[in-house]
Amino acid sequence: MASSYFKKKLSGNNFLLFVTIFMFLVMYILGIIFYHEQGFGTMQTFFNMLIDNAGLIIAASGMTLVLITGGIDISIGSVVGLICMMLANFMQNKGMSASLSIIWVLLFGIGFGFIQGWLIAYLKLQPFIVTLAGMFFCRGLTAMISVEQIAITTNKAFLALAHKNISLFFGATVNKRGIKLYPFIHPSVVIALVALLAVWYLCKYTKFGRSLFAVGGNEQSALLMGINVRKIKLLAYMLNGFLASLAGVVFCLNTTSGFVEQARGFEMEAIASAVIGGTLLTGGVGTVIGTFFGVLIKASIETYIRCNGTLSSWWNKIVLSALLCFFIVLQSVFATLKERRK
C-alpha cells in the first residue's frame, strides 16, 4: 500500500517538486560536509540565505503565477530596480514618509501589472513582447529619475526597519569567547514568507487558484468550463505586479539605496527558480513551494562560492543555467512520458 501511494505521488505533477527538494537537501548536506569549518551548517548561515534572497522569493512567487497561466514576465527585474529608485527618491529627495512611499510604489506595481495584463489578456498580445517593452520602460524611467545612486540616509523609520534583527531562540552557537549567539532574521524574511504562504494558499484553496491551472492547462477547456480566461489572466498579472513591487520594497530594505543597474537579470533568476521548482514553461503545472526550494538551491550555490573564497561569483550564473537546462529537459521528458501514457 505504501509503495503504491508513493508511486502515485511520484508519477504525478509532484515528481518535479520531489526532484527539486531532493537536490536542495543533497546540496545542503554536501555544503555542511565540505564547508563545516566555514560555518555552512549553522542556523545563521541558512537564515542569511533567506535574508539575501527575500526579494527573490517574492518576485519568483509572482513569476510562478504568471508561468502557470502559460505566460511570462521579463520585466520583473526592471520593476524591482524602479521601485528601489522610487523609494530612495521619495524618502531621500522628497522627504516623504516611509509608509506613504511604500503605499505609492505598491499601487504603481498593481497599476503596471494591470496595463501589462490588459494588453496580454484583452488585446491578445504576446506576453514576451509586452513584458519586454515593460522592461525597457521601467529601466528607462529609473534612469530618468536619477542616473546617480541615491542612498537612503535620513529616513529613520525605513532604516530602522531595514537594520532590525529579529532574534530566534533556537539554534544558538557559542563563539570563541564563550558567548552564546542566537540566530536572527530581518523583517524582509517575514514579509517574504508571509507572501509565499499567501500565494500558496491562493493557488491551492481558492477558486481563482484552480482557474489559474485550468487556464494554463488548456484555455479552450477553461472557456467550456465557464471560466473567464481574460479576467483570470488580467488578475494574475496584476497580482504579479503587486508582488514585483513588494519584492522591490524588500530588495530596497536590503540595499537601502536605488541606482539604475539595480536588480539587472533579476527576472531570469526568478524564472530559473520557478522552473527549477517544477513550474512548467508551457503552463498548467507549478507550485510556489517548489519555487521556494528553487531559490534555496540558488542561495546554496552562492553560499558555496562565498565559503570557498577562491571561486568567481560568475560560477553562480553558470551552475544556475546548467540546472535550468537540466530541469527544462526533465520537463520535456516528463511531458513526453505523460503523453505516451494517454
Protein backbone atom coordinates (compact mmCIF):
# COMPACT_ATOMS: atom_id res chain seq x y z
CA MET A 1 0.00 0.00 0.00
CA ALA A 2 2.76 2.41 0.95
CA SER A 3 4.73 1.69 -2.23
CA SER A 4 1.65 2.24 -4.43
CA TYR A 5 0.96 5.54 -2.60
CA PHE A 6 4.48 6.87 -3.23
CA LYS A 7 4.39 5.58 -6.82
CA LYS A 8 1.18 7.51 -7.39
CA LYS A 9 2.70 10.64 -5.90
CA LEU A 10 5.90 10.38 -7.93
CA SER A 11 4.05 9.66 -11.17
CA GLY A 12 2.01 12.85 -10.88
CA ASN A 13 2.95 16.50 -11.18
CA ASN A 14 4.71 16.30 -7.80
CA PHE A 15 7.62 14.44 -9.36
CA LEU A 16 9.49 17.60 -10.34
CA LEU A 17 8.90 19.06 -6.88
CA PHE A 18 10.38 15.97 -5.22
CA VAL A 19 13.43 16.21 -7.50
CA THR A 20 13.94 19.87 -6.51
CA ILE A 21 13.63 19.20 -2.77
CA PHE A 22 15.95 16.19 -3.02
CA MET A 23 18.53 18.23 -4.94
CA PHE A 24 18.47 21.01 -2.34
CA LEU A 25 18.89 18.53 0.53
CA VAL A 26 21.85 16.88 -1.22
CA MET A 27 23.48 20.25 -1.93
CA TYR A 28 22.93 21.44 1.63
CA ILE A 29 24.33 18.25 3.17
CA LEU A 30 27.37 18.41 0.89
CA GLY A 31 27.86 22.04 1.93
CA ILE A 32 27.86 21.02 5.59
CA ILE A 33 30.37 18.24 4.87
CA PHE A 34 32.83 20.32 2.86
CA TYR A 35 32.44 23.73 4.50
CA HIS A 36 31.52 22.99 8.11
CA GLU A 37 34.61 24.87 9.29
CA GLN A 38 33.35 27.97 7.49
CA GLY A 39 30.05 27.67 9.35
CA PHE A 40 27.92 26.35 6.46
CA GLY A 41 25.88 24.15 8.80
CA THR A 42 24.94 26.86 11.30
CA MET A 43 21.37 28.14 11.52
CA GLN A 44 22.56 31.70 10.88
CA THR A 45 24.04 30.68 7.52
CA PHE A 46 20.69 29.24 6.48
CA PHE A 47 18.86 32.35 7.64
CA ASN A 48 21.39 34.52 5.78
CA MET A 49 20.35 32.66 2.63
CA LEU A 50 16.77 33.76 3.30
CA ILE A 51 17.79 37.34 4.14
CA ASP A 52 19.84 37.74 0.96
CA ASN A 53 17.10 36.28 -1.24
CA ALA A 54 13.93 37.60 0.43
CA GLY A 55 13.12 39.79 -2.57
CA LEU A 56 13.69 36.91 -4.98
CA ILE A 57 11.30 34.67 -3.02
CA ILE A 58 8.51 37.23 -3.52
CA ALA A 59 9.32 38.01 -7.16
CA ALA A 60 9.63 34.31 -8.05
CA SER A 61 6.25 33.63 -6.40
CA GLY A 62 4.67 36.20 -8.71
CA MET A 63 6.53 34.73 -11.68
CA THR A 64 5.15 31.30 -10.78
CA LEU A 65 1.58 32.61 -11.02
CA VAL A 66 2.23 34.04 -14.49
CA LEU A 67 4.01 30.88 -15.71
CA ILE A 68 1.11 28.71 -14.51
CA THR A 69 -1.21 30.64 -16.87
CA GLY A 70 1.19 29.90 -19.75
CA GLY A 71 2.59 33.44 -19.79
CA ILE A 72 5.88 35.02 -18.76
CA ASP A 73 7.12 38.34 -17.35
CA ILE A 74 10.65 39.50 -18.11
CA SER A 75 10.06 42.99 -16.70
CA ILE A 76 10.30 41.96 -13.03
CA GLY A 77 13.97 42.93 -12.62
CA SER A 78 13.37 46.38 -14.07
CA VAL A 79 10.30 46.84 -11.87
CA VAL A 80 12.33 45.96 -8.78
CA GLY A 81 15.06 48.40 -9.80
CA LEU A 82 12.50 51.15 -10.47
CA ILE A 83 10.77 50.55 -7.12
CA CYS A 84 14.09 50.90 -5.28
CA MET A 85 14.84 54.14 -7.11
CA MET A 86 11.33 55.49 -6.45
CA LEU A 87 11.58 54.68 -2.74
CA ALA A 88 15.02 56.28 -2.48
CA ASN A 89 13.84 59.38 -4.37
CA PHE A 90 10.63 59.73 -2.35
CA MET A 91 12.28 59.36 1.04
CA GLN A 92 15.68 60.94 0.48
CA ASN A 93 14.94 63.73 -2.00
CA LYS A 94 11.24 64.45 -1.44
CA GLY A 95 11.16 63.91 2.31
CA MET A 96 8.17 61.58 2.07
CA SER A 97 7.42 59.19 4.94
CA ALA A 98 8.36 55.51 4.61
CA SER A 99 4.77 54.26 4.89
CA LEU A 100 3.42 56.65 2.24
CA SER A 101 6.33 55.88 -0.09
CA ILE A 102 5.69 52.14 0.21
CA ILE A 103 1.97 52.59 -0.46
CA TRP A 104 2.71 54.62 -3.61
CA VAL A 105 5.12 52.07 -5.07
CA LEU A 106 2.76 49.17 -4.32
CA LEU A 107 -0.05 50.99 -6.11
CA PHE A 108 2.32 51.59 -9.02
CA GLY A 109 3.08 47.86 -9.18
CA ILE A 110 -0.62 46.98 -9.29
CA GLY A 111 -1.25 49.58 -12.00
CA PHE A 112 1.71 48.45 -14.06
CA GLY A 113 0.57 44.83 -13.76
CA PHE A 114 -2.93 45.88 -14.85
CA ILE A 115 -1.63 47.57 -18.02
CA GLN A 116 0.53 44.58 -18.99
CA GLY A 117 -2.26 42.13 -18.13
CA TRP A 118 -4.83 44.08 -20.13
CA LEU A 119 -2.59 44.16 -23.20
CA ILE A 120 -1.95 40.42 -22.92
CA ALA A 121 -5.42 39.22 -21.92
CA TYR A 122 -7.71 41.56 -23.86
CA LEU A 123 -5.61 42.61 -26.86
CA LYS A 124 -4.04 39.12 -27.05
CA LEU A 125 -0.51 40.43 -27.46
CA GLN A 126 2.39 38.07 -26.80
CA PRO A 127 3.47 38.16 -23.11
CA PHE A 128 7.15 38.16 -24.06
CA ILE A 129 6.78 41.26 -26.27
CA VAL A 130 4.59 43.15 -23.79
CA THR A 131 6.85 42.48 -20.82
CA LEU A 132 9.96 43.18 -22.92
CA ALA A 133 8.53 46.64 -23.60
CA GLY A 134 7.74 46.90 -19.87
CA MET A 135 11.32 46.01 -19.03
CA PHE A 136 12.71 48.80 -21.23
CA PHE A 137 10.11 51.27 -19.95
CA CYS A 138 10.88 50.68 -16.27
CA ARG A 139 14.65 50.71 -16.77
CA GLY A 140 14.39 53.94 -18.75
CA LEU A 141 12.12 55.52 -16.14
CA THR A 142 14.65 54.56 -13.45
CA ALA A 143 17.36 56.44 -15.34
CA MET A 144 15.06 59.44 -15.77
CA ILE A 145 14.63 59.71 -12.00
CA SER A 146 18.40 59.69 -11.50
CA VAL A 147 21.48 58.32 -13.21
CA GLU A 148 23.31 58.55 -9.90
CA GLN A 149 22.90 56.29 -6.91
CA ILE A 150 20.51 57.61 -4.25
CA ALA A 151 21.29 56.30 -0.77
CA ILE A 152 18.61 56.45 1.93
CA THR A 153 20.33 58.05 4.92
CA THR A 154 17.77 60.35 6.51
CA ASN A 155 14.58 58.29 6.83
CA LYS A 156 14.96 56.82 10.30
CA ALA A 157 11.81 54.66 10.16
CA PHE A 158 12.87 52.89 6.97
CA LEU A 159 16.46 52.43 8.16
CA ALA A 160 15.25 51.06 11.48
CA LEU A 161 13.11 48.50 9.65
CA ALA A 162 15.99 47.62 7.32
CA HIS A 163 18.50 47.06 10.12
CA LYS A 164 16.19 45.44 12.67
CA ASN A 165 17.25 41.98 13.84
CA ILE A 166 14.56 39.54 14.94
CA SER A 167 16.29 37.09 17.31
CA LEU A 168 15.27 33.45 17.26
CA PHE A 169 15.66 31.47 20.46
CA PHE A 170 16.93 28.23 18.93
CA GLY A 171 19.99 27.06 17.01
CA ALA A 172 22.40 29.10 19.14
CA THR A 173 26.18 28.82 18.66
CA VAL A 174 28.98 29.62 21.10
CA ASN A 175 31.81 31.86 19.87
CA LYS A 176 35.48 31.70 20.91
CA ARG A 177 34.78 33.94 23.90
CA GLY A 178 32.14 31.53 25.20
CA ILE A 179 29.25 33.87 24.37
CA LYS A 180 26.06 32.22 23.16
CA LEU A 181 24.85 33.78 19.91
CA TYR A 182 21.28 33.25 18.74
CA PRO A 183 20.47 33.37 15.01
CA PHE A 184 18.38 36.21 13.66
CA ILE A 185 16.37 37.22 10.63
CA HIS A 186 15.29 40.58 9.23
CA PRO A 187 11.70 41.80 8.74
CA SER A 188 12.24 41.27 5.00
CA VAL A 189 12.28 37.49 5.57
CA VAL A 190 8.98 37.65 7.47
CA ILE A 191 7.41 39.64 4.63
CA ALA A 192 8.74 37.17 2.05
CA LEU A 193 7.49 34.08 3.89
CA VAL A 194 4.05 35.62 4.52
CA ALA A 195 3.77 36.50 0.80
CA LEU A 196 4.90 32.98 -0.15
CA LEU A 197 2.31 31.33 2.11
CA ALA A 198 -0.42 33.68 0.88
CA VAL A 199 0.29 32.78 -2.77
CA TRP A 200 0.45 29.07 -1.87
CA TYR A 201 -2.96 29.26 -0.16
CA LEU A 202 -4.38 31.25 -3.08
CA CYS A 203 -3.26 28.63 -5.61
CA LYS A 204 -4.27 25.59 -3.59
CA TYR A 205 -7.51 26.50 -1.83
CA THR A 206 -9.28 29.20 -3.84
CA LYS A 207 -11.40 29.23 -6.98
CA PHE A 208 -9.00 31.75 -8.52
CA GLY A 209 -6.09 29.36 -7.96
CA ARG A 210 -7.92 26.47 -9.61
CA SER A 211 -8.80 28.74 -12.51
CA LEU A 212 -5.13 29.64 -12.99
CA PHE A 213 -4.23 25.99 -13.51
CA ALA A 214 -7.22 25.44 -15.78
CA VAL A 215 -6.28 28.40 -17.99
CA GLY A 216 -2.64 27.29 -18.17
CA GLY A 217 -3.58 23.68 -18.86
CA ASN A 218 -5.96 24.34 -21.74
CA GLU A 219 -7.61 27.67 -22.49
CA GLN A 220 -10.35 26.16 -24.64
CA SER A 221 -11.32 23.68 -21.93
CA ALA A 222 -11.28 26.50 -19.38
CA LEU A 223 -13.69 28.50 -21.55
CA LEU A 224 -16.03 25.50 -21.83
CA MET A 225 -15.93 25.23 -18.03
CA GLY A 226 -17.27 28.79 -17.83
CA ILE A 227 -14.01 30.38 -16.68
CA ASN A 228 -13.43 33.98 -17.73
CA VAL A 229 -9.95 33.40 -19.17
CA ARG A 230 -9.22 37.07 -19.89
CA LYS A 231 -10.18 38.11 -16.36
CA ILE A 232 -8.02 35.37 -14.78
CA LYS A 233 -5.00 36.40 -16.87
CA LEU A 234 -5.52 40.07 -16.02
CA LEU A 235 -5.74 39.31 -12.29
CA ALA A 236 -2.65 37.08 -12.50
CA TYR A 237 -0.58 39.91 -14.00
CA MET A 238 -1.98 42.44 -11.51
CA LEU A 239 -1.03 40.18 -8.62
CA ASN A 240 2.35 39.61 -10.22
CA GLY A 241 2.82 43.39 -10.49
CA PHE A 242 1.95 43.80 -6.82
CA LEU A 243 4.41 41.06 -5.81
CA ALA A 244 7.12 42.55 -8.02
CA SER A 245 6.70 45.94 -6.33
CA LEU A 246 6.67 44.24 -2.90
CA ALA A 247 9.87 42.45 -3.90
CA GLY A 248 11.29 45.87 -4.77
CA VAL A 249 10.44 47.16 -1.30
CA VAL A 250 12.15 44.16 0.31
CA PHE A 251 15.12 44.50 -2.05
CA CYS A 252 15.43 48.14 -1.03
CA LEU A 253 15.35 47.14 2.65
CA ASN A 254 18.49 45.09 1.97
CA THR A 255 20.31 47.75 -0.08
CA THR A 256 18.81 51.00 1.37
CA SER A 257 19.51 52.69 -1.96
CA GLY A 258 18.44 52.96 -5.58
CA PHE A 259 20.51 53.01 -8.77
CA VAL A 260 19.97 52.37 -12.47
CA GLU A 261 21.65 48.95 -12.72
CA GLN A 262 19.94 47.55 -9.63
CA ALA A 263 18.37 44.07 -9.95
CA ARG A 264 19.60 43.61 -13.52
CA GLY A 265 18.99 39.99 -14.51
CA PHE A 266 16.66 39.51 -11.54
CA GLU A 267 13.85 38.31 -13.81
CA MET A 268 16.00 35.45 -15.09
CA GLU A 269 16.75 34.35 -11.54
CA ALA A 270 13.01 34.40 -10.82
CA ILE A 271 12.24 32.32 -13.92
CA ALA A 272 15.06 29.89 -13.12
CA SER A 273 13.85 29.48 -9.52
CA ALA A 274 10.30 28.75 -10.68
CA VAL A 275 11.36 26.29 -13.40
CA ILE A 276 13.84 24.51 -11.13
CA GLY A 277 10.99 24.33 -8.60
CA GLY A 278 8.86 22.34 -11.05
CA THR A 279 6.78 25.01 -12.81
CA LEU A 280 6.24 24.10 -16.46
CA LEU A 281 7.01 26.79 -19.02
CA THR A 282 4.01 25.56 -21.01
CA GLY A 283 1.67 26.36 -18.12
CA GLY A 284 -0.80 24.39 -16.05
CA VAL A 285 1.70 22.96 -13.54
CA GLY A 286 3.57 24.68 -10.72
CA THR A 287 3.78 25.40 -7.02
CA VAL A 288 5.39 28.21 -5.04
CA ILE A 289 6.72 25.63 -2.56
CA GLY A 290 8.90 24.27 -5.38
CA THR A 291 9.83 27.83 -6.32
CA PHE A 292 10.94 28.43 -2.73
CA PHE A 293 13.28 25.43 -2.91
CA GLY A 294 14.48 26.67 -6.30
CA VAL A 295 15.51 29.92 -4.60
CA LEU A 296 17.24 27.91 -1.84
CA ILE A 297 19.22 25.97 -4.45
CA LYS A 298 20.39 29.25 -5.97
CA ALA A 299 21.23 30.54 -2.48
CA SER A 300 23.17 27.35 -1.69
CA ILE A 301 25.33 27.86 -4.78
CA GLU A 302 26.07 31.44 -3.67
CA THR A 303 26.99 30.20 -0.18
CA TYR A 304 29.31 27.54 -1.69
CA ILE A 305 31.15 30.26 -3.59
CA ARG A 306 31.34 32.50 -0.52
CA CYS A 307 32.66 29.72 1.72
CA ASN A 308 35.20 28.56 -0.87
CA GLY A 309 36.68 32.04 -1.24
CA THR A 310 38.57 31.27 -4.47
CA LEU A 311 35.72 30.79 -6.96
CA SER A 312 34.43 33.57 -9.18
CA SER A 313 30.91 34.84 -8.45
CA TRP A 314 30.09 34.04 -12.08
CA TRP A 315 30.02 30.36 -11.16
CA ASN A 316 26.63 31.08 -9.65
CA LYS A 317 25.27 32.03 -13.10
CA ILE A 318 26.98 29.08 -14.77
CA VAL A 319 25.66 26.45 -12.36
CA LEU A 320 22.20 28.03 -12.28
CA SER A 321 21.99 28.00 -16.09
CA ALA A 322 23.10 24.35 -16.15
CA LEU A 323 20.41 23.44 -13.61
CA LEU A 324 17.83 25.39 -15.60
CA CYS A 325 18.71 23.45 -18.77
CA PHE A 326 18.58 20.17 -16.83
CA PHE A 327 15.09 20.89 -15.49
CA ILE A 328 13.80 22.05 -18.88
CA VAL A 329 14.99 18.75 -20.40
CA LEU A 330 13.46 16.89 -17.45
CA GLN A 331 10.16 18.69 -18.05
CA SER A 332 10.26 17.69 -21.72
CA VAL A 333 10.90 14.05 -20.86
CA PHE A 334 8.17 14.17 -18.22
CA ALA A 335 5.66 15.64 -20.69
CA THR A 336 6.55 13.03 -23.34
CA LEU A 337 6.07 10.14 -20.91
CA LYS A 338 2.77 11.62 -19.80
CA GLU A 339 1.53 11.78 -23.39
CA ARG A 340 2.54 8.16 -24.02
CA ARG A 341 0.54 7.01 -21.00
CA LYS A 342 -2.54 8.56 -22.57
